[in-house]
All heavy atoms as atom14 arrays in JSON, in Angstrom:
{
  "sequence": "GKMVRADPSLLLETDRETGQTILRGMGELHLEVTLDRLRTE",
  "atom14_mask": [
    [1, 1, 1, 1, 0, 0, 0, 0, 0, 0, 0, 0, 0, 0],
    [1, 1, 1, 1, 1, 1, 1, 1, 1, 0, 0, 0, 0, 0],
    [1, 1, 1, 1, 1, 1, 1, 1, 0, 0, 0, 0, 0, 0],
    [1, 1, 1, 1, 1, 1, 1, 0, 0, 0, 0, 0, 0, 0],
    [1, 1, 1, 1, 1, 1, 1, 1, 1, 1, 1, 0, 0, 0],
    [1, 1, 1, 1, 1, 0, 0, 0, 0, 0, 0, 0, 0, 0],
    [1, 1, 1, 1, 1, 1, 1, 1, 0, 0, 0, 0, 0, 0],
    [1, 1, 1, 1, 1, 1, 1, 0, 0, 0, 0, 0, 0, 0],
    [1, 1, 1, 1, 1, 1, 0, 0, 0, 0, 0, 0, 0, 0],
    [1, 1, 1, 1, 1, 1, 1, 1, 0, 0, 0, 0, 0, 0],
    [1, 1, 1, 1, 1, 1, 1, 1, 0, 0, 0, 0, 0, 0],
    [1, 1, 1, 1, 1, 1, 1, 1, 0, 0, 0, 0, 0, 0],
    [1, 1, 1, 1, 1, 1, 1, 1, 1, 0, 0, 0, 0, 0],
    [1, 1, 1, 1, 1, 1, 1, 0, 0, 0, 0, 0, 0, 0],
    [1, 1, 1, 1, 1, 1, 1, 1, 0, 0, 0, 0, 0, 0],
    [1, 1, 1, 1, 1, 1, 1, 1, 1, 1, 1, 0, 0, 0],
    [1, 1, 1, 1, 1, 1, 1, 1, 1, 0, 0, 0, 0, 0],
    [1, 1, 1, 1, 1, 1, 1, 0, 0, 0, 0, 0, 0, 0],
    [1, 1, 1, 1, 0, 0, 0, 0, 0, 0, 0, 0, 0, 0],
    [1, 1, 1, 1, 1, 1, 1, 1, 1, 0, 0, 0, 0, 0],
    [1, 1, 1, 1, 1, 1, 1, 0, 0, 0, 0, 0, 0, 0],
    [1, 1, 1, 1, 1, 1, 1, 1, 0, 0, 0, 0, 0, 0],
    [1, 1, 1, 1, 1, 1, 1, 1, 0, 0, 0, 0, 0, 0],
    [1, 1, 1, 1, 1, 1, 1, 1, 1, 1, 1, 0, 0, 0],
    [1, 1, 1, 1, 0, 0, 0, 0, 0, 0, 0, 0, 0, 0],
    [1, 1, 1, 1, 1, 1, 1, 1, 0, 0, 0, 0, 0, 0],
    [1, 1, 1, 1, 0, 0, 0, 0, 0, 0, 0, 0, 0, 0],
    [1, 1, 1, 1, 1, 1, 1, 1, 1, 0, 0, 0, 0, 0],
    [1, 1, 1, 1, 1, 1, 1, 1, 0, 0, 0, 0, 0, 0],
    [1, 1, 1, 1, 1, 1, 1, 1, 1, 1, 0, 0, 0, 0],
    [1, 1, 1, 1, 1, 1, 1, 1, 0, 0, 0, 0, 0, 0],
    [1, 1, 1, 1, 1, 1, 1, 1, 1, 0, 0, 0, 0, 0],
    [1, 1, 1, 1, 1, 1, 1, 0, 0, 0, 0, 0, 0, 0],
    [1, 1, 1, 1, 1, 1, 1, 0, 0, 0, 0, 0, 0, 0],
    [1, 1, 1, 1, 1, 1, 1, 1, 0, 0, 0, 0, 0, 0],
    [1, 1, 1, 1, 1, 1, 1, 1, 0, 0, 0, 0, 0, 0],
    [1, 1, 1, 1, 1, 1, 1, 1, 1, 1, 1, 0, 0, 0],
    [1, 1, 1, 1, 1, 1, 1, 1, 0, 0, 0, 0, 0, 0],
    [1, 1, 1, 1, 1, 1, 1, 1, 1, 1, 1, 0, 0, 0],
    [1, 1, 1, 1, 1, 1, 1, 0, 0, 0, 0, 0, 0, 0],
    [1, 1, 1, 1, 1, 1, 1, 1, 1, 0, 0, 0, 0, 0]
  ],
  "atom14_positions": [
    [[0.82, -1.21, 0.0], [0.0, 0.0, 0.0], [0.85, 1.26, 0.0], [0.55, 2.23, -0.71], [0.0, 0.0, 0.0], [0.0, 0.0, 0.0], [0.0, 0.0, 0.0], [0.0, 0.0, 0.0], [0.0, 0.0, 0.0], [0.0, 0.0, 0.0], [0.0, 0.0, 0.0], [0.0, 0.0, 0.0], [0.0, 0.0, 0.0], [0.0, 0.0, 0.0]],
    [[1.93, 1.24, 0.76], [2.84, 2.41, 0.8], [3.55, 2.59, -0.53], [3.75, 3.72, -0.99], [3.86, 2.23, 1.93], [3.26, 2.43, 3.32], [4.35, 2.4, 4.39], [3.77, 2.71, 5.77], [4.81, 2.69, 6.82], [0.0, 0.0, 0.0], [0.0, 0.0, 0.0], [0.0, 0.0, 0.0], [0.0, 0.0, 0.0], [0.0, 0.0, 0.0]],
    [[3.94, 1.48, -1.17], [4.61, 1.58, -2.46], [3.68, 2.18, -3.52], [4.08, 3.0, -4.33], [5.08, 0.19, -2.93], [6.2, -0.41, -2.1], [7.75, 0.48, -2.23], [8.21, 0.14, -3.91], [0.0, 0.0, 0.0], [0.0, 0.0, 0.0], [0.0, 0.0, 0.0], [0.0, 0.0, 0.0], [0.0, 0.0, 0.0], [0.0, 0.0, 0.0]],
    [[2.42, 1.76, -3.5], [1.44, 2.25, -4.48], [1.14, 3.73, -4.22], [0.97, 4.51, -5.15], [0.16, 1.4, -4.44], [-0.94, 2.02, -5.28], [0.46, -0.02, -4.92], [0.0, 0.0, 0.0], [0.0, 0.0, 0.0], [0.0, 0.0, 0.0], [0.0, 0.0, 0.0], [0.0, 0.0, 0.0], [0.0, 0.0, 0.0], [0.0, 0.0, 0.0]],
    [[1.09, 4.1, -2.96], [0.85, 5.52, -2.63], [2.0, 6.39, -3.15], [1.8, 7.51, -3.61], [0.72, 5.67, -1.11], [0.43, 7.09, -0.69], [0.42, 7.24, 0.82], [0.38, 8.66, 1.17], [0.9, 9.17, 2.27], [1.52, 8.4, 3.13], [0.81, 10.46, 2.52], [0.0, 0.0, 0.0], [0.0, 0.0, 0.0], [0.0, 0.0, 0.0]],
    [[3.22, 5.84, -3.1], [4.39, 6.61, -3.52], [4.53, 6.65, -5.04], [5.15, 7.57, -5.58], [5.66, 6.01, -2.9], [0.0, 0.0, 0.0], [0.0, 0.0, 0.0], [0.0, 0.0, 0.0], [0.0, 0.0, 0.0], [0.0, 0.0, 0.0], [0.0, 0.0, 0.0], [0.0, 0.0, 0.0], [0.0, 0.0, 0.0], [0.0, 0.0, 0.0]],
    [[3.97, 5.66, -5.75], [4.16, 5.56, -7.2], [2.81, 5.46, -7.91], [2.2, 4.39, -7.95], [5.01, 4.32, -7.51], [5.36, 4.19, -8.99], [4.77, 4.93, -9.8], [6.21, 3.36, -9.33], [0.0, 0.0, 0.0], [0.0, 0.0, 0.0], [0.0, 0.0, 0.0], [0.0, 0.0, 0.0], [0.0, 0.0, 0.0], [0.0, 0.0, 0.0]],
    [[2.3, 6.56, -8.47], [0.98, 6.54, -9.1], [0.89, 5.66, -10.35], [-0.21, 5.43, -10.84], [0.74, 8.01, -9.48], [1.73, 8.8, -8.7], [2.9, 7.9, -8.48], [0.0, 0.0, 0.0], [0.0, 0.0, 0.0], [0.0, 0.0, 0.0], [0.0, 0.0, 0.0], [0.0, 0.0, 0.0], [0.0, 0.0, 0.0], [0.0, 0.0, 0.0]],
    [[2.04, 5.19, -10.89], [1.96, 4.3, -12.05], [1.82, 2.84, -11.62], [1.76, 1.95, -12.46], [3.19, 4.47, -12.94], [4.37, 4.12, -12.26], [0.0, 0.0, 0.0], [0.0, 0.0, 0.0], [0.0, 0.0, 0.0], [0.0, 0.0, 0.0], [0.0, 0.0, 0.0], [0.0, 0.0, 0.0], [0.0, 0.0, 0.0], [0.0, 0.0, 0.0]],
    [[1.74, 2.59, -10.32], [1.39, 1.27, -9.8], [-0.08, 1.26, -9.4], [-0.61, 2.28, -8.95], [2.23, 0.94, -8.55], [3.71, 0.58, -8.75], [4.4, 0.5, -7.4], [3.87, -0.73, -9.51], [0.0, 0.0, 0.0], [0.0, 0.0, 0.0], [0.0, 0.0, 0.0], [0.0, 0.0, 0.0], [0.0, 0.0, 0.0], [0.0, 0.0, 0.0]],
    [[-0.71, 0.11, -9.56], [-2.12, -0.02, -9.2], [-2.3, -1.36, -8.49], [-1.79, -2.39, -8.95], [-2.99, 0.04, -10.46], [-4.49, 0.21, -10.27], [-4.81, 1.54, -9.61], [-5.2, 0.14, -11.63], [0.0, 0.0, 0.0], [0.0, 0.0, 0.0], [0.0, 0.0, 0.0], [0.0, 0.0, 0.0], [0.0, 0.0, 0.0], [0.0, 0.0, 0.0]],
    [[-3.01, -1.34, -7.39], [-3.22, -2.56, -6.6], [-4.71, -2.89, -6.6], [-5.55, -2.01, -6.38], [-2.74, -2.3, -5.17], [-2.39, -3.51, -4.3], [-1.3, -4.35, -4.94], [-1.96, -3.04, -2.92], [0.0, 0.0, 0.0], [0.0, 0.0, 0.0], [0.0, 0.0, 0.0], [0.0, 0.0, 0.0], [0.0, 0.0, 0.0], [0.0, 0.0, 0.0]],
    [[-5.05, -4.14, -6.87], [-6.46, -4.55, -6.84], [-6.55, -6.02, -6.48], [-5.56, -6.76, -6.5], [-7.14, -4.26, -8.18], [-6.46, -4.87, -9.38], [-7.04, -4.36, -10.69], [-7.22, -3.14, -10.84], [-7.28, -5.21, -11.56], [0.0, 0.0, 0.0], [0.0, 0.0, 0.0], [0.0, 0.0, 0.0], [0.0, 0.0, 0.0], [0.0, 0.0, 0.0]],
    [[-7.75, -6.45, -6.17], [-7.99, -7.86, -5.83], [-8.84, -8.5, -6.91], [-9.87, -7.94, -7.3], [-8.71, -7.97, -4.46], [-7.92, -7.31, -3.47], [-8.9, -9.42, -4.06], [0.0, 0.0, 0.0], [0.0, 0.0, 0.0], [0.0, 0.0, 0.0], [0.0, 0.0, 0.0], [0.0, 0.0, 0.0], [0.0, 0.0, 0.0], [0.0, 0.0, 0.0]],
    [[-8.41, -9.66, -7.41], [-9.18, -10.39, -8.41], [-10.46, -10.91, -7.74], [-10.4, -11.66, -6.76], [-8.36, -11.56, -8.96], [-9.05, -12.24, -10.13], [-10.08, -12.88, -9.9], [-8.56, -12.1, -11.27], [0.0, 0.0, 0.0], [0.0, 0.0, 0.0], [0.0, 0.0, 0.0], [0.0, 0.0, 0.0], [0.0, 0.0, 0.0], [0.0, 0.0, 0.0]],
    [[-11.61, -10.51, -8.3], [-12.89, -10.85, -7.66], [-13.17, -12.35, -7.67], [-13.93, -12.85, -6.84], [-14.03, -10.09, -8.35], [-14.13, -8.65, -7.9], [-15.12, -7.86, -8.73], [-14.63, -7.61, -10.08], [-15.25, -6.85, -10.96], [-16.38, -6.28, -10.65], [-14.74, -6.66, -12.17], [0.0, 0.0, 0.0], [0.0, 0.0, 0.0], [0.0, 0.0, 0.0]],
    [[-12.59, -13.09, -8.61], [-12.87, -14.52, -8.7], [-11.91, -15.35, -7.86], [-12.3, -16.25, -7.15], [-12.81, -14.97, -10.15], [-13.97, -14.45, -10.99], [-14.14, -15.26, -12.26], [-13.17, -15.92, -12.67], [-15.23, -15.24, -12.84], [0.0, 0.0, 0.0], [0.0, 0.0, 0.0], [0.0, 0.0, 0.0], [0.0, 0.0, 0.0], [0.0, 0.0, 0.0]],
    [[-10.61, -15.04, -7.96], [-9.6, -15.88, -7.29], [-9.2, -15.34, -5.92], [-8.61, -16.07, -5.12], [-8.33, -15.98, -8.16], [-7.73, -14.68, -8.26], [-8.67, -16.49, -9.55], [0.0, 0.0, 0.0], [0.0, 0.0, 0.0], [0.0, 0.0, 0.0], [0.0, 0.0, 0.0], [0.0, 0.0, 0.0], [0.0, 0.0, 0.0], [0.0, 0.0, 0.0]],
    [[-9.48, -14.04, -5.67], [-9.05, -13.45, -4.4], [-7.58, -13.07, -4.38], [-7.07, -12.6, -3.36], [0.0, 0.0, 0.0], [0.0, 0.0, 0.0], [0.0, 0.0, 0.0], [0.0, 0.0, 0.0], [0.0, 0.0, 0.0], [0.0, 0.0, 0.0], [0.0, 0.0, 0.0], [0.0, 0.0, 0.0], [0.0, 0.0, 0.0], [0.0, 0.0, 0.0]],
    [[-6.87, -13.26, -5.51], [-5.45, -12.93, -5.56], [-5.24, -11.41, -5.55], [-6.07, -10.65, -6.04], [-4.82, -13.48, -6.84], [-4.59, -14.97, -6.84], [-3.93, -15.41, -8.15], [-4.44, -15.12, -9.23], [-2.81, -16.11, -8.06], [0.0, 0.0, 0.0], [0.0, 0.0, 0.0], [0.0, 0.0, 0.0], [0.0, 0.0, 0.0], [0.0, 0.0, 0.0]],
    [[-4.11, -11.0, -4.98], [-3.71, -9.59, -5.04], [-3.0, -9.35, -6.37], [-2.03, -10.04, -6.7], [-2.77, -9.23, -3.88], [-3.46, -9.48, -2.64], [-2.35, -7.77, -3.93], [0.0, 0.0, 0.0], [0.0, 0.0, 0.0], [0.0, 0.0, 0.0], [0.0, 0.0, 0.0], [0.0, 0.0, 0.0], [0.0, 0.0, 0.0], [0.0, 0.0, 0.0]],
    [[-3.48, -8.4, -7.15], [-2.93, -8.1, -8.47], [-2.21, -6.75, -8.42], [-2.78, -5.75, -7.99], [-4.04, -8.06, -9.55], [-4.84, -9.37, -9.56], [-3.43, -7.77, -10.92], [-4.03, -10.6, -9.92], [0.0, 0.0, 0.0], [0.0, 0.0, 0.0], [0.0, 0.0, 0.0], [0.0, 0.0, 0.0], [0.0, 0.0, 0.0], [0.0, 0.0, 0.0]],
    [[-0.96, -6.74, -8.86], [-0.17, -5.5, -8.91], [0.03, -5.15, -10.38], [0.53, -5.96, -11.16], [1.18, -5.7, -8.23], [2.1, -4.47, -8.16], [1.5, -3.39, -7.28], [3.48, -4.86, -7.63], [0.0, 0.0, 0.0], [0.0, 0.0, 0.0], [0.0, 0.0, 0.0], [0.0, 0.0, 0.0], [0.0, 0.0, 0.0], [0.0, 0.0, 0.0]],
    [[-0.37, -3.95, -10.76], [-0.22, -3.49, -12.14], [0.87, -2.43, -12.21], [1.01, -1.62, -11.3], [-1.54, -2.9, -12.67], [-2.7, -3.87, -12.66], [-3.9, -3.3, -13.4], [-5.06, -4.17, -13.3], [-5.26, -5.23, -14.06], [-4.38, -5.55, -14.98], [-6.33, -5.98, -13.92], [0.0, 0.0, 0.0], [0.0, 0.0, 0.0], [0.0, 0.0, 0.0]],
    [[1.63, -2.44, -13.32], [2.72, -1.48, -13.48], [3.04, -1.23, -14.95], [2.3, -1.63, -15.85], [0.0, 0.0, 0.0], [0.0, 0.0, 0.0], [0.0, 0.0, 0.0], [0.0, 0.0, 0.0], [0.0, 0.0, 0.0], [0.0, 0.0, 0.0], [0.0, 0.0, 0.0], [0.0, 0.0, 0.0], [0.0, 0.0, 0.0], [0.0, 0.0, 0.0]],
    [[4.2, -0.58, -15.18], [4.56, -0.14, -16.53], [5.43, -1.13, -17.3], [5.7, -0.92, -18.47], [5.29, 1.2, -16.45], [4.48, 2.32, -15.8], [2.84, 2.53, -16.53], [3.28, 3.02, -18.2], [0.0, 0.0, 0.0], [0.0, 0.0, 0.0], [0.0, 0.0, 0.0], [0.0, 0.0, 0.0], [0.0, 0.0, 0.0], [0.0, 0.0, 0.0]],
    [[5.91, -2.19, -16.64], [6.75, -3.15, -17.34], [7.28, -4.19, -16.37], [7.13, -4.08, -15.15], [0.0, 0.0, 0.0], [0.0, 0.0, 0.0], [0.0, 0.0, 0.0], [0.0, 0.0, 0.0], [0.0, 0.0, 0.0], [0.0, 0.0, 0.0], [0.0, 0.0, 0.0], [0.0, 0.0, 0.0], [0.0, 0.0, 0.0], [0.0, 0.0, 0.0]],
    [[7.92, -5.23, -16.93], [8.46, -6.31, -16.09], [9.47, -5.78, -15.08], [9.44, -6.14, -13.9], [9.11, -7.38, -16.97], [8.12, -8.24, -17.75], [8.81, -9.29, -18.6], [9.19, -8.96, -19.74], [8.99, -10.42, -18.12], [0.0, 0.0, 0.0], [0.0, 0.0, 0.0], [0.0, 0.0, 0.0], [0.0, 0.0, 0.0], [0.0, 0.0, 0.0]],
    [[10.38, -4.92, -15.53], [11.41, -4.39, -14.64], [10.79, -3.56, -13.52], [11.21, -3.64, -12.36], [12.42, -3.54, -15.44], [13.57, -2.93, -14.63], [14.42, -4.04, -14.0], [14.44, -2.04, -15.51], [0.0, 0.0, 0.0], [0.0, 0.0, 0.0], [0.0, 0.0, 0.0], [0.0, 0.0, 0.0], [0.0, 0.0, 0.0], [0.0, 0.0, 0.0]],
    [[9.79, -2.77, -13.86], [9.09, -1.94, -12.87], [8.54, -2.8, -11.74], [8.72, -2.49, -10.54], [7.96, -1.18, -13.58], [7.27, -0.17, -12.73], [5.98, 0.23, -12.96], [7.67, 0.51, -11.64], [5.63, 1.13, -12.06], [6.64, 1.31, -11.25], [0.0, 0.0, 0.0], [0.0, 0.0, 0.0], [0.0, 0.0, 0.0], [0.0, 0.0, 0.0]],
    [[7.87, -3.91, -12.1], [7.28, -4.79, -11.09], [8.34, -5.55, -10.31], [8.23, -5.72, -9.09], [6.3, -5.76, -11.77], [5.1, -5.1, -12.46], [4.28, -6.13, -13.21], [4.23, -4.36, -11.46], [0.0, 0.0, 0.0], [0.0, 0.0, 0.0], [0.0, 0.0, 0.0], [0.0, 0.0, 0.0], [0.0, 0.0, 0.0], [0.0, 0.0, 0.0]],
    [[9.4, -5.98, -10.99], [10.51, -6.67, -10.3], [11.14, -5.76, -9.25], [11.4, -6.18, -8.11], [11.58, -7.09, -11.31], [11.27, -8.34, -12.09], [12.33, -8.6, -13.16], [13.48, -8.14, -12.98], [12.01, -9.24, -14.18], [0.0, 0.0, 0.0], [0.0, 0.0, 0.0], [0.0, 0.0, 0.0], [0.0, 0.0, 0.0], [0.0, 0.0, 0.0]],
    [[11.42, -4.53, -9.64], [12.06, -3.57, -8.73], [11.14, -3.27, -7.55], [11.6, -3.16, -6.4], [12.44, -2.28, -9.49], [12.79, -1.16, -8.52], [13.61, -2.54, -10.42], [0.0, 0.0, 0.0], [0.0, 0.0, 0.0], [0.0, 0.0, 0.0], [0.0, 0.0, 0.0], [0.0, 0.0, 0.0], [0.0, 0.0, 0.0], [0.0, 0.0, 0.0]],
    [[9.84, -3.14, -7.81], [8.89, -2.87, -6.72], [8.93, -3.98, -5.68], [8.98, -3.71, -4.47], [7.46, -2.74, -7.29], [7.43, -1.65, -8.21], [6.45, -2.51, -6.18], [0.0, 0.0, 0.0], [0.0, 0.0, 0.0], [0.0, 0.0, 0.0], [0.0, 0.0, 0.0], [0.0, 0.0, 0.0], [0.0, 0.0, 0.0], [0.0, 0.0, 0.0]],
    [[8.94, -5.23, -6.14], [8.98, -6.36, -5.2], [10.32, -6.41, -4.46], [10.36, -6.72, -3.26], [8.74, -7.67, -5.97], [7.78, -8.66, -5.31], [6.42, -8.03, -5.08], [7.63, -9.92, -6.12], [0.0, 0.0, 0.0], [0.0, 0.0, 0.0], [0.0, 0.0, 0.0], [0.0, 0.0, 0.0], [0.0, 0.0, 0.0], [0.0, 0.0, 0.0]],
    [[11.4, -6.09, -5.17], [12.73, -6.08, -4.53], [12.82, -4.98, -3.48], [13.45, -5.16, -2.43], [13.81, -5.89, -5.61], [15.19, -6.32, -5.12], [15.25, -7.16, -4.2], [16.19, -5.8, -5.63], [0.0, 0.0, 0.0], [0.0, 0.0, 0.0], [0.0, 0.0, 0.0], [0.0, 0.0, 0.0], [0.0, 0.0, 0.0], [0.0, 0.0, 0.0]],
    [[12.17, -3.84, -3.74], [12.2, -2.75, -2.77], [11.41, -3.1, -1.5], [11.71, -2.58, -0.42], [11.66, -1.47, -3.41], [12.62, -0.85, -4.41], [12.04, 0.39, -5.04], [11.83, 1.45, -4.06], [11.22, 2.6, -4.35], [10.77, 2.82, -5.57], [11.07, 3.52, -3.42], [0.0, 0.0, 0.0], [0.0, 0.0, 0.0], [0.0, 0.0, 0.0]],
    [[10.41, -3.96, -1.61], [9.71, -4.42, -0.41], [10.68, -5.11, 0.54], [10.61, -4.96, 1.76], [8.58, -5.38, -0.78], [7.38, -4.8, -1.55], [6.36, -5.9, -1.83], [6.72, -3.68, -0.78], [0.0, 0.0, 0.0], [0.0, 0.0, 0.0], [0.0, 0.0, 0.0], [0.0, 0.0, 0.0], [0.0, 0.0, 0.0], [0.0, 0.0, 0.0]],
    [[11.62, -5.86, -0.07], [12.62, -6.57, 0.75], [13.59, -5.6, 1.41], [13.87, -5.72, 2.61], [13.39, -7.56, -0.14], [14.55, -8.25, 0.55], [15.32, -9.14, -0.41], [15.89, -8.4, -1.53], [17.04, -7.72, -1.44], [17.73, -7.68, -0.3], [17.51, -7.08, -2.5], [0.0, 0.0, 0.0], [0.0, 0.0, 0.0], [0.0, 0.0, 0.0]],
    [[14.1, -4.62, 0.65], [15.15, -3.75, 1.19], [14.59, -2.62, 2.06], [15.25, -2.19, 3.0], [15.98, -3.13, 0.04], [15.11, -2.43, -0.85], [16.73, -4.2, -0.72], [0.0, 0.0, 0.0], [0.0, 0.0, 0.0], [0.0, 0.0, 0.0], [0.0, 0.0, 0.0], [0.0, 0.0, 0.0], [0.0, 0.0, 0.0], [0.0, 0.0, 0.0]],
    [[13.38, -2.15, 1.76], [12.85, -1.0, 2.49], [11.88, -1.38, 3.6], [11.74, -0.65, 4.58], [12.15, -0.04, 1.52], [13.12, 0.61, 0.53], [12.42, 1.45, -0.52], [11.31, 1.95, -0.25], [12.99, 1.61, -1.62], [0.0, 0.0, 0.0], [0.0, 0.0, 0.0], [0.0, 0.0, 0.0], [0.0, 0.0, 0.0], [0.0, 0.0, 0.0]]
  ]
}
């Protein structure tokens, strides 16, 4: 939630059928870096 608040090109939502958390972004690298920053920050 904090990452999405800091980066308006990220979008967080829940899949209504599966209940999975879906993270939307601008590219593969963008999403990889976001997940890596969760670890470091």
